[in-house]
N, C-alpha and C. Protein backbone atom coordinates (compact mmCIF):
# COMPACT_ATOMS: atom_id res chain seq x y z
N MET A 1 110.09 116.39 76.68
CA MET A 1 109.82 115.71 77.15
C MET A 1 110.74 114.87 78.04
N PRO A 2 110.63 114.90 79.17
CA PRO A 2 111.70 114.13 79.61
C PRO A 2 111.95 112.25 79.18
N PRO A 3 112.79 111.73 79.14
CA PRO A 3 112.68 110.15 79.22
C PRO A 3 111.97 109.08 80.23
N ARG A 4 110.76 108.39 79.38
CA ARG A 4 110.07 108.16 80.74
C ARG A 4 110.50 106.31 80.76
N TRP A 5 110.09 105.91 82.53
CA TRP A 5 110.69 104.81 82.71
C TRP A 5 109.57 103.82 82.20
N THR A 6 110.09 102.42 81.20
CA THR A 6 109.22 101.76 80.47
C THR A 6 108.87 100.26 80.88
N HIS A 7 110.01 99.70 81.25
CA HIS A 7 110.04 98.46 82.06
C HIS A 7 112.03 98.44 82.44
N ILE A 8 111.46 97.22 82.76
CA ILE A 8 113.10 96.34 83.73
C ILE A 8 113.07 95.31 82.90
N THR A 9 114.15 94.80 82.76
CA THR A 9 114.21 92.81 82.02
C THR A 9 115.27 92.39 83.36
N ILE A 10 114.38 91.16 83.37
CA ILE A 10 115.17 90.38 83.83
C ILE A 10 115.32 89.13 83.23
N ASN A 11 116.45 88.39 83.46
CA ASN A 11 116.50 86.89 82.65
C ASN A 11 115.96 85.88 83.85
N CYS A 12 115.67 84.66 83.29
CA CYS A 12 114.94 83.60 84.53
C CYS A 12 115.23 82.22 83.79
N SER A 13 115.08 81.60 84.59
CA SER A 13 116.18 80.34 84.35
C SER A 13 114.43 78.74 83.82
N ASP A 14 113.51 79.43 84.40
CA ASP A 14 112.12 78.58 84.10
C ASP A 14 110.90 79.59 83.71
N ILE A 15 110.99 80.09 82.38
CA ILE A 15 110.18 80.96 82.35
C ILE A 15 108.03 80.91 82.45
N ASN A 16 107.99 79.83 82.86
CA ASN A 16 106.78 79.23 83.06
C ASN A 16 106.70 79.69 84.87
N ALA A 17 107.46 79.16 85.45
CA ALA A 17 107.47 79.07 86.63
C ALA A 17 107.54 80.63 87.35
N SER A 18 108.42 81.79 86.26
CA SER A 18 108.34 82.92 86.78
C SER A 18 106.90 83.17 86.53
N VAL A 19 106.20 83.19 85.34
CA VAL A 19 104.98 84.17 84.70
C VAL A 19 104.11 83.07 86.23
N GLU A 20 103.78 82.07 86.75
CA GLU A 20 102.83 82.32 87.79
C GLU A 20 103.53 82.96 88.88
N PHE A 21 104.67 83.02 89.01
CA PHE A 21 105.04 83.60 90.37
C PHE A 21 104.73 85.32 90.16
N TYR A 22 104.81 85.78 89.05
CA TYR A 22 104.13 86.83 89.09
C TYR A 22 102.99 87.44 88.90
N THR A 23 102.31 86.63 88.25
CA THR A 23 101.12 86.30 88.07
C THR A 23 100.34 86.44 89.31
N SER A 24 100.62 85.09 90.06
CA SER A 24 99.63 84.95 91.64
C SER A 24 100.40 85.64 92.34
N LEU A 25 101.19 86.04 92.56
CA LEU A 25 102.07 86.69 93.76
C LEU A 25 101.86 88.46 93.45
N CYS A 26 102.00 88.51 92.61
CA CYS A 26 102.26 90.27 92.12
C CYS A 26 100.90 90.70 91.78
N GLY A 27 100.31 90.17 91.38
CA GLY A 27 99.46 90.27 90.63
C GLY A 27 99.41 91.10 89.00
N LEU A 28 100.69 90.85 88.40
CA LEU A 28 100.53 91.29 87.03
C LEU A 28 99.44 90.29 86.00
N THR A 29 99.87 90.83 84.61
CA THR A 29 99.21 90.21 83.91
C THR A 29 99.85 89.73 83.02
N ILE A 30 99.64 89.03 82.03
CA ILE A 30 100.41 88.99 80.38
C ILE A 30 100.18 89.95 79.47
N VAL A 31 100.49 90.61 79.24
CA VAL A 31 100.92 91.99 78.30
C VAL A 31 101.05 91.58 76.79
N ARG A 32 102.10 90.56 76.79
CA ARG A 32 103.11 90.24 75.20
C ARG A 32 104.23 89.15 75.81
N ASP A 33 103.68 87.93 75.19
CA ASP A 33 103.99 86.66 75.21
C ASP A 33 104.92 86.48 73.22
N ARG A 34 105.88 86.76 73.57
CA ARG A 34 106.81 86.53 72.25
C ARG A 34 108.07 85.27 72.16
N ARG A 35 107.74 84.98 71.40
CA ARG A 35 108.45 84.24 70.88
C ARG A 35 109.31 84.02 69.27
N ILE A 36 110.58 84.65 69.85
CA ILE A 36 110.97 84.66 67.71
C ILE A 36 112.71 84.33 67.66
N GLU A 37 112.59 83.74 67.04
CA GLU A 37 114.00 83.11 66.84
C GLU A 37 114.82 82.05 67.74
N GLY A 38 113.62 81.51 68.57
CA GLY A 38 113.85 80.53 69.42
C GLY A 38 114.63 81.36 70.98
N ARG A 39 114.21 82.33 70.79
CA ARG A 39 114.17 83.51 72.29
C ARG A 39 112.32 83.67 72.40
N HIS A 40 112.38 83.48 74.21
CA HIS A 40 110.86 83.87 74.71
C HIS A 40 111.03 84.37 75.73
N ASN A 41 110.05 85.63 75.54
CA ASN A 41 110.28 86.53 76.29
C ASN A 41 108.63 87.17 76.96
N VAL A 42 108.75 87.49 77.69
CA VAL A 42 106.54 87.35 78.33
C VAL A 42 107.06 89.29 79.02
N TRP A 43 105.95 89.97 78.40
CA TRP A 43 106.14 91.31 79.11
C TRP A 43 104.92 91.31 80.55
N LEU A 44 104.96 91.51 81.23
CA LEU A 44 104.23 91.45 82.51
C LEU A 44 103.23 92.70 83.35
N GLY A 45 102.40 93.38 82.78
CA GLY A 45 102.04 94.65 83.60
C GLY A 45 100.92 94.68 84.87
N PRO A 46 100.64 95.70 85.16
CA PRO A 46 99.47 95.69 85.95
C PRO A 46 97.76 95.71 84.97
N ALA A 47 97.15 94.79 85.29
CA ALA A 47 95.74 94.92 84.70
C ALA A 47 95.39 96.33 84.29
N THR A 48 94.87 96.13 82.64
CA THR A 48 94.35 97.48 82.29
C THR A 48 92.97 97.77 81.07
N LYS A 49 92.84 98.53 80.61
CA LYS A 49 91.01 98.14 80.31
C LYS A 49 91.83 97.20 78.83
N ARG A 50 90.97 96.85 78.34
CA ARG A 50 91.17 96.22 77.11
C ARG A 50 91.68 97.10 76.04
N ASP A 51 93.06 96.04 75.33
CA ASP A 51 93.58 96.88 74.12
C ASP A 51 94.17 98.50 74.55
N GLU A 52 94.73 98.57 75.96
CA GLU A 52 95.28 99.64 76.50
C GLU A 52 96.37 98.80 76.87
N ASP A 53 97.65 99.56 76.62
CA ASP A 53 98.82 99.36 77.11
C ASP A 53 99.13 99.95 78.80
N PRO A 54 100.40 99.09 79.26
CA PRO A 54 100.15 99.51 80.50
C PRO A 54 101.29 100.55 80.78
N VAL A 55 101.51 101.31 81.59
CA VAL A 55 102.72 102.34 81.30
C VAL A 55 104.02 101.85 81.71
N PHE A 56 104.45 100.59 82.08
CA PHE A 56 105.03 99.99 83.07
C PHE A 56 105.42 98.45 82.62
N VAL A 57 106.46 98.02 82.22
CA VAL A 57 105.93 96.60 82.67
C VAL A 57 107.25 95.65 83.10
N LEU A 58 107.57 94.38 83.47
CA LEU A 58 108.38 93.88 83.88
C LEU A 58 108.42 92.55 82.83
N VAL A 59 110.05 92.79 82.00
CA VAL A 59 109.98 91.84 81.35
C VAL A 59 110.71 90.69 81.39
N ILE A 60 110.32 89.40 81.32
CA ILE A 60 111.13 88.48 82.06
C ILE A 60 111.54 87.45 80.58
N VAL A 61 113.07 87.04 80.68
CA VAL A 61 113.29 86.77 79.72
C VAL A 61 113.83 84.93 79.60
N GLN A 62 113.55 84.15 79.14
CA GLN A 62 114.34 82.77 79.14
C GLN A 62 115.69 83.07 78.91
N ASP A 63 116.42 82.69 80.12
CA ASP A 63 117.80 83.15 79.34
C ASP A 63 118.81 82.34 80.96
N GLU A 64 120.15 82.21 80.77
CA GLU A 64 120.64 82.54 81.83
C GLU A 64 120.81 83.90 82.73
N VAL A 65 120.88 83.18 84.19
CA VAL A 65 120.50 84.30 85.19
C VAL A 65 121.81 84.39 85.58
N LYS A 66 122.50 85.89 85.09
CA LYS A 66 123.93 85.76 85.52
C LYS A 66 124.13 87.22 86.62
N ALA A 67 122.79 88.01 86.79
CA ALA A 67 123.13 88.74 87.99
C ALA A 67 121.80 88.71 88.59
N ARG A 68 121.62 89.69 89.50
CA ARG A 68 120.23 89.54 90.00
C ARG A 68 120.44 91.28 90.68
N LEU A 69 119.35 91.70 90.77
CA LEU A 69 118.70 93.53 91.13
C LEU A 69 118.50 92.72 92.96
N ASP A 70 118.34 94.17 93.45
CA ASP A 70 118.49 94.19 95.10
C ASP A 70 117.06 93.62 94.87
N HIS A 71 115.87 94.42 94.66
CA HIS A 71 114.81 93.86 95.03
C HIS A 71 113.91 94.74 94.00
N PHE A 72 112.00 94.15 93.89
CA PHE A 72 111.64 94.90 93.22
C PHE A 72 110.41 95.22 94.49
N GLY A 73 109.91 96.23 93.85
CA GLY A 73 108.92 96.42 95.16
C GLY A 73 107.19 96.77 94.66
N PHE A 74 106.57 95.94 95.03
CA PHE A 74 105.08 96.23 95.12
C PHE A 74 104.37 96.68 96.40
N GLN A 75 103.55 97.90 96.05
CA GLN A 75 102.52 98.16 97.14
C GLN A 75 101.30 97.50 97.02
N CYS A 76 100.98 97.06 98.42
CA CYS A 76 99.23 96.39 98.68
C CYS A 76 98.49 97.29 99.10
N ASP A 77 97.13 96.93 98.95
CA ASP A 77 96.03 97.97 100.00
C ASP A 77 96.34 97.77 101.09
N SER A 78 96.37 97.07 102.20
CA SER A 78 96.20 96.59 103.27
C SER A 78 96.96 95.83 103.66
N ARG A 79 97.74 96.45 105.10
CA ARG A 79 98.40 94.97 105.71
C ARG A 79 98.02 93.55 105.63
N ALA A 80 96.62 93.73 105.97
CA ALA A 80 96.00 92.06 105.58
C ALA A 80 96.76 91.78 104.46
N GLU A 81 96.83 92.23 103.08
CA GLU A 81 97.18 91.92 101.88
C GLU A 81 99.08 91.45 102.04
N VAL A 82 99.29 92.26 102.76
CA VAL A 82 101.13 91.71 103.01
C VAL A 82 100.94 90.31 103.55
N ASP A 83 100.18 90.53 104.82
CA ASP A 83 100.34 88.97 105.32
C ASP A 83 100.05 87.83 104.82
N ARG A 84 99.03 88.01 103.84
CA ARG A 84 98.41 87.39 102.75
C ARG A 84 99.57 86.62 101.77
N ILE A 85 100.00 87.64 101.48
CA ILE A 85 100.93 86.96 100.27
C ILE A 85 102.51 86.06 101.35
N ALA A 86 102.75 86.87 102.50
CA ALA A 86 103.72 86.00 103.27
C ALA A 86 102.94 84.99 103.74
N ALA A 87 101.95 84.73 103.86
CA ALA A 87 101.77 83.43 104.20
C ALA A 87 101.97 82.39 102.97
N ILE A 88 101.53 82.62 101.96
CA ILE A 88 101.92 82.15 100.81
C ILE A 88 103.21 81.79 100.84
N ALA A 89 104.05 82.85 100.82
CA ALA A 89 105.19 82.80 100.31
C ALA A 89 105.99 81.50 101.42
N ARG A 90 105.80 81.62 102.69
CA ARG A 90 106.09 80.90 104.10
C ARG A 90 105.73 79.31 103.49
N GLN A 91 104.56 78.89 103.02
CA GLN A 91 104.30 78.00 102.54
C GLN A 91 105.08 77.21 101.48
N GLN A 92 105.46 78.80 100.34
CA GLN A 92 106.36 77.46 99.22
C GLN A 92 107.78 78.07 99.68
N ASN A 93 107.74 78.30 100.25
CA ASN A 93 109.16 77.95 101.28
C ASN A 93 110.13 79.18 100.76
N ILE A 94 109.52 80.42 100.01
CA ILE A 94 110.16 81.70 99.20
C ILE A 94 110.03 82.40 100.49
N LEU A 95 109.63 82.65 101.52
CA LEU A 95 109.39 83.86 102.70
C LEU A 95 110.84 84.17 102.88
N VAL A 96 111.50 85.30 102.70
CA VAL A 96 113.27 85.73 103.26
C VAL A 96 112.40 86.33 104.14
N GLU A 97 112.12 87.49 104.47
CA GLU A 97 111.66 88.25 105.98
C GLU A 97 110.11 88.24 106.48
N PRO A 98 110.12 88.02 107.72
CA PRO A 98 108.23 87.90 107.71
C PRO A 98 107.66 89.48 107.62
N PRO A 99 106.60 90.17 107.89
CA PRO A 99 106.42 91.12 107.70
C PRO A 99 106.68 91.89 108.86
N VAL A 100 107.33 93.19 108.70
CA VAL A 100 107.82 93.88 110.42
C VAL A 100 106.99 95.12 109.62
N ASP A 101 106.66 96.38 110.55
CA ASP A 101 106.87 97.54 110.49
C ASP A 101 107.79 98.34 111.34
N VAL A 102 108.09 98.73 110.37
CA VAL A 102 109.68 99.65 110.52
C VAL A 102 109.34 101.27 110.50
N GLY A 103 107.87 101.57 110.27
CA GLY A 103 107.64 102.95 110.70
C GLY A 103 108.14 103.76 109.59
N GLY A 104 108.11 105.30 109.49
CA GLY A 104 108.52 106.36 108.64
C GLY A 104 107.70 105.78 107.17
N VAL A 105 108.89 106.25 106.16
CA VAL A 105 108.32 105.94 104.55
C VAL A 105 108.39 104.44 104.13
N VAL A 106 108.99 103.97 104.91
CA VAL A 106 109.25 102.25 104.78
C VAL A 106 107.41 101.26 104.64
N GLY A 107 107.28 102.10 106.19
CA GLY A 107 106.02 100.99 106.42
C GLY A 107 106.18 99.43 106.79
N TYR A 108 104.97 98.91 106.57
CA TYR A 108 104.71 97.81 106.86
C TYR A 108 105.53 96.51 105.53
N PHE A 109 106.08 95.49 105.96
CA PHE A 109 106.60 94.92 104.56
C PHE A 109 107.13 93.08 104.65
N THR A 110 107.02 92.72 103.82
CA THR A 110 107.43 91.94 103.79
C THR A 110 108.34 91.22 102.44
N MET A 111 109.29 90.28 102.49
CA MET A 111 110.23 90.21 101.45
C MET A 111 110.28 88.20 100.70
N VAL A 112 110.14 88.71 99.89
CA VAL A 112 110.12 86.77 99.25
C VAL A 112 111.31 86.68 97.64
N ARG A 113 111.69 85.89 97.88
CA ARG A 113 112.38 85.18 96.68
C ARG A 113 111.16 84.67 95.20
N ASP A 114 111.37 85.56 94.11
CA ASP A 114 111.16 84.68 92.67
C ASP A 114 111.80 83.56 92.99
N PRO A 115 111.18 82.17 91.80
CA PRO A 115 111.92 81.23 91.25
C PRO A 115 113.59 81.15 91.34
N ASP A 116 113.46 82.55 90.60
CA ASP A 116 115.07 82.78 90.35
C ASP A 116 115.87 83.31 91.43
N GLY A 117 115.59 83.89 92.73
CA GLY A 117 116.35 84.02 93.54
C GLY A 117 116.29 85.30 93.86
N HIS A 118 115.61 86.26 92.78
CA HIS A 118 115.40 87.68 92.60
C HIS A 118 114.30 88.17 94.00
N MET A 119 114.75 89.28 94.76
CA MET A 119 114.40 89.41 95.80
C MET A 119 112.71 90.67 95.27
N VAL A 120 111.74 89.92 96.30
CA VAL A 120 110.63 90.66 96.10
C VAL A 120 109.75 91.34 97.40
N GLU A 121 109.41 92.31 97.23
CA GLU A 121 109.20 92.97 98.73
C GLU A 121 107.85 93.64 98.18
N PHE A 122 106.85 93.43 99.41
CA PHE A 122 105.29 93.50 99.10
C PHE A 122 105.15 94.38 100.70
N THR A 123 104.33 95.68 100.23
CA THR A 123 104.30 96.97 101.34
C THR A 123 103.01 97.32 101.28
N PHE A 124 103.13 98.23 102.36
CA PHE A 124 101.89 98.88 102.84
C PHE A 124 102.39 99.99 103.53
N GLY A 125 101.87 101.40 102.94
CA GLY A 125 102.04 102.48 103.93
C GLY A 125 103.02 103.02 103.47
N GLN A 126 103.82 102.73 102.24
CA GLN A 126 104.77 103.72 101.44
C GLN A 126 104.05 105.17 100.64
N PRO A 127 104.64 106.18 101.12
CA PRO A 127 104.12 106.92 100.21
C PRO A 127 104.29 107.48 98.51
N LEU A 128 103.80 106.20 97.71
CA LEU A 128 104.30 106.43 96.26
C LEU A 128 102.45 105.66 95.78
N LYS A 129 102.30 105.81 94.77
CA LYS A 129 101.01 105.68 94.31
C LYS A 129 101.04 104.23 93.76
N GLY A 130 102.59 103.68 93.08
CA GLY A 130 102.63 102.79 92.60
C GLY A 130 101.59 102.71 91.32
N LEU A 131 102.31 101.86 89.79
CA LEU A 131 101.64 101.74 88.61
C LEU A 131 100.61 100.94 88.78
């Protein structure tokens, strides 16, 4: 069996603000909340059945943010969901790019920033199932 993609880890300056962002806007749930030897990290993933681990998680670690990645992508069920998230982001002053339809495999999307400046894309119409 080939290697399997399981997680991405990012550092954050305020773990509570990051958990709030990724649970409220991205629909992720807390899979694990680990506090070991003065370090704090939280595993976030899609909602699963009780006692079932997700296939992929976002790990956020309370630590200095040294570098950002280009962006995360989340698939929405409708254009209306993309619009709803963009409206919330606009109210929170974290909207980077309002919803736009660029067609093709990219579809309809909006871009927002998380509390540490990481870009997050919310899209509708991409031919990816998502996790």
